[in-house]
C-alpha atoms as a PDB file:
ATOM      1  CA  MET A   1     -12.814 -19.215  -6.401  1.00  0.00           C
ATOM      2  CA  GLU A   2     -11.521 -18.904  -9.975  1.00  0.00           C
ATOM      3  CA  THR A   3      -7.753 -18.764 -10.467  1.00  0.00           C
ATOM      4  CA  LYS A   4      -6.116 -15.533  -9.215  1.00  0.00           C
ATOM      5  CA  PHE A   5      -4.717 -13.015 -11.461  1.00  0.00           C
ATOM      6  CA  LYS A   6      -0.946 -13.305 -11.939  1.00  0.00           C
ATOM      7  CA  SER A   7       0.203 -11.044 -15.063  1.00  0.00           C
ATOM      8  CA  LEU A   8       1.870  -7.825 -15.720  1.00  0.00           C
ATOM      9  CA  SER A   9       0.406  -7.706 -19.124  1.00  0.00           C
ATOM     10  CA  VAL A  10      -1.968  -5.114 -19.905  1.00  0.00           C
ATOM     11  CA  PHE A  11      -3.844  -7.160 -22.283  1.00  0.00           C
ATOM     12  CA  ALA A  12      -4.144 -10.035 -19.880  1.00  0.00           C
ATOM     13  CA  PHE A  13      -5.439  -7.424 -17.499  1.00  0.00           C
ATOM     14  CA  GLN A  14      -8.025  -6.185 -19.894  1.00  0.00           C
ATOM     15  CA  THR A  15      -9.147  -9.904 -20.942  1.00  0.00           C
ATOM     16  CA  LYS A  16      -9.744 -10.941 -17.132  1.00  0.00           C
ATOM     17  CA  PHE A  17     -11.364  -7.514 -16.270  1.00  0.00           C
ATOM     18  CA  PRO A  18     -13.469  -6.250 -19.325  1.00  0.00           C
ATOM     19  CA  SER A  19     -16.452  -5.123 -17.386  1.00  0.00           C
ATOM     20  CA  GLU A  20     -17.856  -3.674 -14.229  1.00  0.00           C
ATOM     21  CA  GLN A  21     -19.409  -7.203 -13.670  1.00  0.00           C
ATOM     22  CA  SER A  22     -16.138  -8.922 -13.794  1.00  0.00           C
ATOM     23  CA  CYS A  23     -14.756  -6.630 -11.244  1.00  0.00           C
ATOM     24  CA  TYR A  24     -17.712  -7.110  -8.486  1.00  0.00           C
ATOM     25  CA  LYS A  25     -17.429 -11.129  -9.445  1.00  0.00           C
ATOM     26  CA  TYR A  26     -13.754 -11.138  -8.615  1.00  0.00           C
ATOM     27  CA  LEU A  27     -14.370  -9.009  -5.900  1.00  0.00           C
ATOM     28  CA  SER A  28     -17.421 -11.226  -4.402  1.00  0.00           C
ATOM     29  CA  GLU A  29     -14.862 -14.078  -4.397  1.00  0.00           C
ATOM     30  CA  LEU A  30     -12.349 -12.597  -2.760  1.00  0.00           C
ATOM     31  CA  LYS A  31     -14.418 -11.083  -0.068  1.00  0.00           C
ATOM     32  CA  TRP A  32     -16.111 -14.191   0.649  1.00  0.00           C
ATOM     33  CA  SER A  33     -13.263 -16.961  -0.298  1.00  0.00           C
ATOM     34  CA  ALA A  34     -13.699 -18.384   3.552  1.00  0.00           C
ATOM     35  CA  GLY A  35     -17.475 -18.467   3.238  1.00  0.00           C
ATOM     36  CA  TYR A  36     -20.078 -15.937   4.238  1.00  0.00           C
ATOM     37  CA  GLN A  37     -20.729 -14.800   7.724  1.00  0.00           C
ATOM     38  CA  CYS A  38     -23.318 -11.825   8.301  1.00  0.00           C
ATOM     39  CA  PRO A  39     -21.648  -8.911  10.042  1.00  0.00           C
ATOM     40  CA  LYS A  40     -24.861  -8.250  12.028  1.00  0.00           C
ATOM     41  CA  CYS A  41     -25.793 -11.628  13.439  1.00  0.00           C
ATOM     42  CA  ASP A  42     -23.204 -13.945  12.510  1.00  0.00           C
ATOM     43  CA  ASN A  43     -25.595 -15.930  10.443  1.00  0.00           C
ATOM     44  CA  LEU A  44     -23.905 -18.384   7.950  1.00  0.00           C
ATOM     45  CA  LYS A  45     -26.828 -18.448   5.158  1.00  0.00           C
ATOM     46  CA  TYR A  46     -27.411 -16.137   2.837  1.00  0.00           C
ATOM     47  CA  CYS A  47     -29.545 -15.479  -0.325  1.00  0.00           C
ATOM     48  CA  LYS A  48     -29.106 -13.505  -3.413  1.00  0.00           C
ATOM     49  CA  GLY A  49     -29.644  -9.544  -2.806  1.00  0.00           C
ATOM     50  CA  ILE A  50     -30.801  -6.760  -5.037  1.00  0.00           C
ATOM     51  CA  ASN A  51     -27.709  -6.644  -7.292  1.00  0.00           C
ATOM     52  CA  GLU A  52     -26.208  -9.694  -8.842  1.00  0.00           C
ATOM     53  CA  PHE A  53     -23.229 -10.297  -6.617  1.00  0.00           C
ATOM     54  CA  ASP A  54     -24.857  -8.922  -3.126  1.00  0.00           C
ATOM     55  CA  ARG A  55     -25.634 -11.240  -0.363  1.00  0.00           C
ATOM     56  CA  GLN A  56     -28.396 -10.785   2.013  1.00  0.00           C
ATOM     57  CA  CYS A  57     -28.522 -12.836   5.421  1.00  0.00           C
ATOM     58  CA  THR A  58     -31.326 -15.099   5.616  1.00  0.00           C
ATOM     59  CA  LYS A  59     -31.978 -14.398   9.150  1.00  0.00           C
ATOM     60  CA  CYS A  60     -31.820 -10.553   9.589  1.00  0.00           C
ATOM     61  CA  SER A  61     -32.013  -9.582   5.979  1.00  0.00           C
ATOM     62  CA  HIS A  62     -28.863  -7.386   6.147  1.00  0.00           C
ATOM     63  CA  LEU A  63     -27.711  -6.825   2.440  1.00  0.00           C
ATOM     64  CA  GLU A  64     -24.209  -6.516   1.852  1.00  0.00           C
ATOM     65  CA  SER A  65     -22.282  -5.772  -1.337  1.00  0.00           C
ATOM     66  CA  PRO A  66     -18.738  -6.931  -2.373  1.00  0.00           C
ATOM     67  CA  THR A  67     -17.630  -3.580  -1.533  1.00  0.00           C
ATOM     68  CA  ALA A  68     -19.157  -2.991   1.751  1.00  0.00           C
ATOM     69  CA  GLY A  69     -16.895  -2.513   4.617  1.00  0.00           C
ATOM     70  CA  THR A  70     -13.748  -2.621   2.594  1.00  0.00           C
ATOM     71  CA  LEU A  71     -11.582   0.113   1.025  1.00  0.00           C
ATOM     72  CA  PHE A  72     -13.942   0.106  -1.899  1.00  0.00           C
ATOM     73  CA  HIS A  73     -16.731   1.237   0.461  1.00  0.00           C
ATOM     74  CA  LYS A  74     -19.009   4.001  -1.085  1.00  0.00           C
ATOM     75  CA  MET A  75     -16.753   4.738  -3.958  1.00  0.00           C
ATOM     76  CA  LYS A  76     -18.088   7.490  -6.200  1.00  0.00           C
ATOM     77  CA  PHE A  77     -16.726   6.181  -9.354  1.00  0.00           C
ATOM     78  CA  SER A  78     -16.468   3.086 -11.709  1.00  0.00           C
ATOM     79  CA  ILE A  79     -15.200  -0.013 -10.033  1.00  0.00           C
ATOM     80  CA  LEU A  80     -13.431  -0.832 -13.345  1.00  0.00           C
ATOM     81  CA  LYS A  81     -11.517   2.420 -12.889  1.00  0.00           C
ATOM     82  CA  ALA A  82     -10.843   1.194  -9.463  1.00  0.00           C
ATOM     83  CA  PHE A  83      -9.291  -1.950 -10.758  1.00  0.00           C
ATOM     84  CA  TRP A  84      -7.166   0.087 -13.338  1.00  0.00           C
ATOM     85  CA  ILE A  85      -5.840   2.202 -10.559  1.00  0.00           C
ATOM     86  CA  ILE A  86      -4.629  -0.655  -8.417  1.00  0.00           C
ATOM     87  CA  TYR A  87      -3.342  -2.447 -11.646  1.00  0.00           C
ATOM     88  CA  TYR A  88      -1.117   1.145 -12.492  1.00  0.00           C
ATOM     89  CA  ILE A  89      -0.175   1.376  -8.766  1.00  0.00           C
ATOM     90  CA  SER A  90       0.884  -2.245  -8.127  1.00  0.00           C
ATOM     91  CA  THR A  91       2.795  -3.003 -11.650  1.00  0.00           C
ATOM     92  CA  ASN A  92       4.566   0.417 -12.740  1.00  0.00           C
ATOM     93  CA  LYS A  93       7.959  -0.286 -11.475  1.00  0.00           C
ATOM     94  CA  LYS A  94       7.977   3.361 -10.248  1.00  0.00           C
ATOM     95  CA  GLY A  95       4.727   4.055  -9.181  1.00  0.00           C
ATOM     96  CA  ILE A  96       2.365   6.516 -10.626  1.00  0.00           C
ATOM     97  CA  ALA A  97       1.265   9.813  -9.527  1.00  0.00           C
ATOM     98  CA  SER A  98      -2.342  10.948  -9.173  1.00  0.00           C
ATOM     99  CA  THR A  99      -2.203  13.350 -12.133  1.00  0.00           C
ATOM    100  CA  GLU A 100      -1.101  10.697 -14.322  1.00  0.00           C
ATOM    101  CA  LEU A 101      -3.804   8.460 -13.134  1.00  0.00           C
ATOM    102  CA  SER A 102      -6.360  11.294 -13.768  1.00  0.00           C
ATOM    103  CA  ARG A 103      -4.954  11.707 -17.257  1.00  0.00           C
ATOM    104  CA  LYS A 104      -5.326   8.036 -17.992  1.00  0.00           C
ATOM    105  CA  LEU A 105      -8.452   7.302 -16.424  1.00  0.00           C
ATOM    106  CA  GLN A 106     -10.428  10.963 -17.073  1.00  0.00           C
ATOM    107  CA  LEU A 107     -11.070  11.321 -13.301  1.00  0.00           C
ATOM    108  CA  ARG A 108     -10.254  13.974 -11.052  1.00  0.00           C
ATOM    109  CA  GLN A 109      -6.874  14.408  -9.718  1.00  0.00           C
ATOM    110  CA  LYS A 110      -8.568  14.696  -6.201  1.00  0.00           C
ATOM    111  CA  THR A 111     -10.426  11.505  -6.841  1.00  0.00           C
ATOM    112  CA  CYS A 112      -7.333   9.353  -8.144  1.00  0.00           C
ATOM    113  CA  TRP A 113      -5.515  11.017  -4.979  1.00  0.00           C
ATOM    114  CA  LEU A 114      -7.955   9.799  -2.428  1.00  0.00           C
ATOM    115  CA  PHE A 115      -8.051   6.178  -3.812  1.00  0.00           C
ATOM    116  CA  LYS A 116      -4.305   6.063  -4.228  1.00  0.00           C
ATOM    117  CA  GLN A 117      -3.756   6.758  -0.680  1.00  0.00           C
ATOM    118  CA  LYS A 118      -6.391   3.952   0.204  1.00  0.00           C
ATOM    119  CA  ALA A 119      -4.257   1.536  -1.675  1.00  0.00           C
ATOM    120  CA  MET A 120      -1.112   2.890  -0.094  1.00  0.00           C
ATOM    121  CA  GLN A 121      -2.625   2.256   3.568  1.00  0.00           C
ATOM    122  CA  ALA A 122      -3.502  -1.374   2.241  1.00  0.00           C
ATOM    123  CA  MET A 123       0.547  -1.512   1.709  1.00  0.00           C
ATOM    124  CA  GLU A 124       1.257  -0.840   5.155  1.00  0.00           C
ATOM    125  CA  SER A 125       3.307  -3.676   6.730  1.00  0.00           C
ATOM    126  CA  SER A 126       1.418  -5.888   9.104  1.00  0.00           C
ATOM    127  CA  ASP A 127       4.663  -6.520  11.295  1.00  0.00           C
ATOM    128  CA  ARG A 128       3.846 -10.288  10.955  1.00  0.00           C
ATOM    129  CA  HIS A 129       7.411 -10.531   8.921  1.00  0.00           C
ATOM    130  CA  PRO A 130      10.145  -8.783  10.441  1.00  0.00           C
ATOM    131  CA  LEU A 131      13.439  -8.458   8.722  1.00  0.00           C
ATOM    132  CA  GLU A 132      16.024 -11.252   9.916  1.00  0.00           C
ATOM    133  CA  GLY A 133      19.677 -12.333   9.699  1.00  0.00           C
ATOM    134  CA  ASN A 134      22.053  -9.792   9.175  1.00  0.00           C
ATOM    135  CA  VAL A 135      20.178  -6.135   9.297  1.00  0.00           C
ATOM    136  CA  GLU A 136      21.517  -2.661   8.695  1.00  0.00           C
ATOM    137  CA  ILE A 137      19.695   0.361  10.033  1.00  0.00           C
ATOM    138  CA  CYS A 138      20.376   3.855   8.539  1.00  0.00           C
ATOM    139  CA  LYS A 139      18.986   7.190   9.641  1.00  0.00           C
ATOM    140  CA  PHE A 140      18.711  10.025   6.832  1.00  0.00           C
ATOM    141  CA  THR A 141      16.727  13.204   5.916  1.00  0.00           C
ATOM    142  CA  ILE A 142      14.645  14.122   2.996  1.00  0.00           C
ATOM    143  CA  GLY A 143      13.431  17.552   1.937  1.00  0.00           C
ATOM    144  CA  SER A 144       9.670  18.250   1.058  1.00  0.00           C
ATOM    145  CA  LYS A 145       7.516  21.019   0.485  1.00  0.00           C
ATOM    146  CA  LYS A 146       4.851  21.536   3.099  1.00  0.00           C
ATOM    147  CA  ARG A 147       1.759  24.023   1.984  1.00  0.00           C
ATOM    148  CA  ILE A 148       1.125  26.970   3.979  1.00  0.00           C
ATOM    149  CA  GLY A 149      -1.256  28.832   1.901  1.00  0.00           C
ATOM    150  CA  LYS A 150      -3.221  28.723  -1.229  1.00  0.00           C
ATOM    151  CA  ASN A 151      -0.051  29.324  -3.547  1.00  0.00           C
ATOM    152  CA  LYS A 152       2.532  29.099  -1.036  1.00  0.00           C
ATOM    153  CA  ALA A 153       5.201  26.268   0.222  1.00  0.00           C
ATOM    154  CA  LYS A 154       7.559  25.954   2.621  1.00  0.00           C
ATOM    155  CA  GLU A 155      10.821  23.548   2.153  1.00  0.00           C
ATOM    156  CA  THR A 156      11.196  21.381   5.319  1.00  0.00           C
ATOM    157  CA  SER A 157      13.371  18.294   6.236  1.00  0.00           C
ATOM    158  CA  ARG A 158      11.885  15.005   7.205  1.00  0.00           C
ATOM    159  CA  LEU A 159      13.673  12.268   9.152  1.00  0.00           C
ATOM    160  CA  ILE A 160      13.234   8.574   7.992  1.00  0.00           C
ATOM    161  CA  VAL A 161      14.923   5.289   9.726  1.00  0.00           C
ATOM    162  CA  ILE A 162      15.054   2.399   7.294  1.00  0.00           C
ATOM    163  CA  GLY A 163      16.044  -1.180   8.136  1.00  0.00           C
ATOM    164  CA  ILE A 164      17.731  -3.532   5.226  1.00  0.00           C
ATOM    165  CA  GLU A 165      18.025  -6.976   5.356  1.00  0.00           C
ATOM    166  CA  LYS A 166      21.102  -8.194   3.813  1.00  0.00           C
ATOM    167  CA  LYS A 167      21.612 -11.611   1.773  1.00  0.00           C
ATOM    168  CA  ALA A 168      24.490 -12.816   0.038  1.00  0.00           C
ATOM    169  CA  LYS A 169      25.487  -9.841  -1.984  1.00  0.00           C
ATOM    170  CA  GLY A 170      22.271  -8.160  -2.181  1.00  0.00           C
ATOM    171  CA  VAL A 171      19.127  -6.710  -0.245  1.00  0.00           C
ATOM    172  CA  SER A 172      16.287  -9.104   0.498  1.00  0.00           C
ATOM    173  CA  ARG A 173      13.802  -6.701   2.305  1.00  0.00           C
ATOM    174  CA  ILE A 174      13.519  -3.366   3.733  1.00  0.00           C
ATOM    175  CA  TYR A 175      11.001  -1.342   6.007  1.00  0.00           C
ATOM    176  CA  ALA A 176      11.149   2.463   6.332  1.00  0.00           C
ATOM    177  CA  ARG A 177       9.540   4.634   8.886  1.00  0.00           C
ATOM    178  CA  GLU A 178       9.262   8.336   9.261  1.00  0.00           C
ATOM    179  CA  ILE A 179      10.270   9.395  12.696  1.00  0.00           C
ATOM    180  CA  PRO A 180       9.709  12.920  14.547  1.00  0.00           C
ATOM    181  CA  ARG A 181      13.322  13.435  15.935  1.00  0.00           C
ATOM    182  CA  ILE A 182      16.615  11.475  16.230  1.00  0.00           C
ATOM    183  CA  SER A 183      15.841   9.357  19.360  1.00  0.00           C
ATOM    184  CA  ASN A 184      16.987   6.143  21.002  1.00  0.00           C
ATOM    185  CA  SER A 185      13.390   5.430  21.839  1.00  0.00           C
ATOM    186  CA  ALA A 186      12.143   5.983  18.200  1.00  0.00           C
ATOM    187  CA  ILE A 187      14.760   3.636  16.880  1.00  0.00           C
ATOM    188  CA  LYS A 188      14.166   1.017  19.488  1.00  0.00           C
ATOM    189  CA  ASN A 189      10.200   1.270  18.446  1.00  0.00           C
ATOM    190  CA  PHE A 190      11.374   0.459  15.067  1.00  0.00           C
ATOM    191  CA  GLU A 191      13.766  -2.330  15.923  1.00  0.00           C
ATOM    192  CA  GLU A 192      11.032  -3.688  18.032  1.00  0.00           C
ATOM    193  CA  ASP A 193       8.358  -3.599  15.193  1.00  0.00           C
ATOM    194  CA  LYS A 194      10.379  -4.604  12.366  1.00  0.00           C
ATOM    195  CA  ILE A 195      13.343  -6.757  13.472  1.00  0.00           C
ATOM    196  CA  SER A 196      13.233 -10.402  14.424  1.00  0.00           C
ATOM    197  CA  ASN A 197      14.400 -11.098  17.917  1.00  0.00           C
ATOM    198  CA  ASP A 198      16.150 -14.113  15.987  1.00  0.00           C
ATOM    199  CA  CYS A 199      18.329 -11.439  14.152  1.00  0.00           C
ATOM    200  CA  PHE A 200      21.799 -12.357  14.287  1.00  0.00           C
ATOM    201  CA  SER A 201      23.630  -8.657  13.610  1.00  0.00           C
ATOM    202  CA  ILE A 202      22.323  -5.539  13.640  1.00  0.00           C
ATOM    203  CA  ARG A 203      24.378  -2.805  12.676  1.00  0.00           C
ATOM    204  CA  MET A 204      23.527   1.190  12.653  1.00  0.00           C
ATOM    205  CA  LYS A 205      25.139   2.854   9.423  1.00  0.00           C
ATOM    206  CA  THR A 206      26.862   5.794  10.503  1.00  0.00           C
ATOM    207  CA  ASN A 207      28.528   6.807   7.568  1.00  0.00           C
ATOM    208  CA  ASN A 208      28.371   6.758   3.665  1.00  0.00           C
ATOM    209  CA  ASN A 209      30.810   4.242   1.962  1.00  0.00           C
ATOM    210  CA  GLY A 210      30.459   5.170  -1.471  1.00  0.00           C
ATOM    211  CA  LYS A 211      27.835   4.961  -4.259  1.00  0.00           C
ATOM    212  CA  PHE A 212      28.351   1.125  -4.314  1.00  0.00           C
ATOM    213  CA  ASP A 213      27.411   0.357  -0.855  1.00  0.00           C
ATOM    214  CA  LEU A 214      24.249  -1.576  -0.852  1.00  0.00           C
ATOM    215  CA  VAL A 215      22.855   0.838   2.119  1.00  0.00           C
ATOM    216  CA  THR A 216      23.626   3.857   0.137  1.00  0.00           C
ATOM    217  CA  ARG A 217      21.948   2.372  -2.973  1.00  0.00           C
ATOM    218  CA  VAL A 218      19.001   1.623  -1.158  1.00  0.00           C
ATOM    219  CA  VAL A 219      18.442   5.141   0.480  1.00  0.00           C
ATOM    220  CA  ASP A 220      19.507   7.065  -2.670  1.00  0.00           C
ATOM    221  CA  GLY A 221      16.965   4.891  -4.738  1.00  0.00           C
ATOM    222  CA  LEU A 222      14.153   5.728  -2.252  1.00  0.00           C
ATOM    223  CA  LYS A 223      15.238   9.389  -2.449  1.00  0.00           C
ATOM    224  CA  SER A 224      14.991   9.645  -6.083  1.00  0.00           C
ATOM    225  CA  TRP A 225      11.654   7.674  -6.185  1.00  0.00           C
ATOM    226  CA  LEU A 226      10.259  10.450  -4.177  1.00  0.00           C
ATOM    227  CA  LYS A 227      11.599  13.510  -5.733  1.00  0.00           C
ATOM    228  CA  GLY A 228      11.171  12.032  -9.190  1.00  0.00           C
ATOM    229  CA  ILE A 229       7.148  11.435  -9.280  1.00  0.00           C
ATOM    230  CA  HIS A 230       5.762  12.891  -5.833  1.00  0.00           C
ATOM    231  CA  HIS A 231       7.030  16.517  -5.623  1.00  0.00           C
ATOM    232  CA  HIS A 232       4.823  17.346  -2.794  1.00  0.00           C
ATOM    233  CA  VAL A 233       4.581  14.290   0.009  1.00  0.00           C
ATOM    234  CA  SER A 234       2.445  15.451   2.870  1.00  0.00           C
ATOM    235  CA  LEU A 235       1.460  11.867   4.037  1.00  0.00           C
ATOM    236  CA  LEU A 236       5.223  10.591   3.700  1.00  0.00           C
ATOM    237  CA  GLN A 237       4.613   7.389   5.574  1.00  0.00           C
ATOM    238  CA  ASN A 238       2.061   6.072   2.727  1.00  0.00           C
ATOM    239  CA  TYR A 239       4.828   6.776   0.318  1.00  0.00           C
ATOM    240  CA  LEU A 240       7.444   4.865   2.201  1.00  0.00           C
ATOM    241  CA  ASN A 241       4.863   2.048   2.650  1.00  0.00           C
ATOM    242  CA  GLU A 242       4.286   2.078  -1.310  1.00  0.00           C
ATOM    243  CA  TYR A 243       8.117   1.884  -1.723  1.00  0.00           C
ATOM    244  CA  CYS A 244       8.571  -0.685   0.812  1.00  0.00           C
ATOM    245  CA  TYR A 245       5.644  -3.200  -0.306  1.00  0.00           C
ATOM    246  CA  ARG A 246       6.941  -2.882  -4.024  1.00  0.00           C
ATOM    247  CA  TYR A 247      10.667  -3.553  -3.188  1.00  0.00           C
ATOM    248  CA  ASN A 248       9.954  -6.386  -0.995  1.00  0.00           C
ATOM    249  CA  ARG A 249       7.435  -8.302  -3.643  1.00  0.00           C
ATOM    250  CA  HIS A 250      10.588  -7.756  -6.662  1.00  0.00           C
ATOM    251  CA  LEU A 251      10.225 -11.490  -6.745  1.00  0.00           C
ATOM    252  CA  MET A 252       6.688 -11.797  -7.204  1.00  0.00           C
ATOM    253  CA  LYS A 253       5.837  -9.136  -9.666  1.00  0.00           C
ATOM    254  CA  GLU A 254       3.041 -11.181 -11.653  1.00  0.00           C
ATOM    255  CA  GLU A 255       1.214 -11.460  -8.302  1.00  0.00           C
ATOM    256  CA  ILE A 256       1.356  -8.055  -6.808  1.00  0.00           C
ATOM    257  CA  PHE A 257      -2.070  -6.971  -8.223  1.00  0.00           C
ATOM    258  CA  ASP A 258      -4.109  -9.828  -6.784  1.00  0.00           C
ATOM    259  CA  ASP A 259      -2.059  -9.316  -3.493  1.00  0.00           C
ATOM    260  CA  LEU A 260      -2.852  -5.732  -3.008  1.00  0.00           C
ATOM    261  CA  LEU A 261      -6.685  -6.240  -4.344  1.00  0.00           C
ATOM    262  CA  VAL A 262      -6.739  -8.779  -1.349  1.00  0.00           C
ATOM    263  CA  ARG A 263      -5.518  -6.429   1.278  1.00  0.00           C
ATOM    264  CA  MET A 264      -7.697  -3.795   0.259  1.00  0.00           C
ATOM    265  CA  VAL A 265     -10.778  -6.283   0.843  1.00  0.00           C
ATOM    266  CA  LYS A 266      -9.698  -7.357   3.968  1.00  0.00           C
ATOM    267  CA  HIS A 267      -9.004  -3.668   5.009  1.00  0.00           C
ATOM    268  CA  GLU A 268     -11.644  -1.498   6.964  1.00  0.00           C
ATOM    269  CA  PRO A 269     -13.292   1.496   5.128  1.00  0.00           C
ATOM    270  CA  ARG A 270     -11.025   4.618   4.911  1.00  0.00           C
ATOM    271  CA  THR A 271     -12.769   8.134   4.426  1.00  0.00           C
ATOM    272  CA  TYR A 272     -10.948  11.463   3.578  1.00  0.00           C
ATOM    273  CA  SER A 273     -10.875  12.435   6.908  1.00  0.00           C
ATOM    274  CA  ASP A 274      -9.304   9.276   7.978  1.00  0.00           C
ATOM    275  CA  ILE A 275      -6.558   9.364   5.550  1.00  0.00           C
ATOM    276  CA  VAL A 276      -5.339  12.828   6.309  1.00  0.00           C
ATOM    277  CA  ASN A 277      -5.614  12.511   9.907  1.00  0.00           C
ATOM    278  CA  TYR A 278      -4.054   9.153  10.349  1.00  0.00           C
ATOM    279  CA  VAL A 279      -1.010   9.081  12.380  1.00  0.00           C
ATOM    280  CA  PRO A 280       1.295   6.173  11.867  1.00  0.00           C
ATOM    281  CA  ASN A 281       3.268   4.438  14.655  1.00  0.00           C
ATOM    282  CA  SER A 282       6.717   6.229  15.386  1.00  0.00           C
END
């Protein structure tokens, strides 16, 4: 595969992906980077398919496109615009709302919202890299509006637990999860999933030590981000995943587009029903 894309530059992005063909080519290289294997019969040999970057099994004749079996599966709009959505989501420091994506790319807001939700599910932690060392846990609530009718919304309170890995005088990584209620079991599940057994210090933060406290700064930053861009947060966990994903990659900003693209290629397809009915761990 050619060198992966590493840049925050709009010009570099436009140069790398000027057309639909360039996007399909890049997707095919990512999807079959470890070699081809037919999903139907496990055959390792293929020939060219109907379209330029499709692959057809030489044994069972199964035809597969670069988008099949990924989060790009059965897309109803341009693959080039899909790449632009991923670029905006991954490189914009504060994220980007689906309404803004709609305006920039001349797509329906609902189309942008659904594809963005798919990208955000790809941002979900694999739990393979738990927090280590000195970790502090904090519980906090955030208000959100829940739609109860066509033109009505009710203010609700959502409970979030966040784990913060401290290093030197700063914060290295974070994970956050919405929990249904304050309970020892919910906190314990979070610790088991997100914190390493080799962690030498775990402390539950129970009070606010002022605006200069590291934990307070992280929590306030997350709250401000949610309120500033996403006014109606229904699928809260997806937004927590997005925030943590971007925060944890603050030292690899130029690689974040490619990293997210790889995750989306490796992720199984998601429909609208899958998205709205998704129940995260708690």
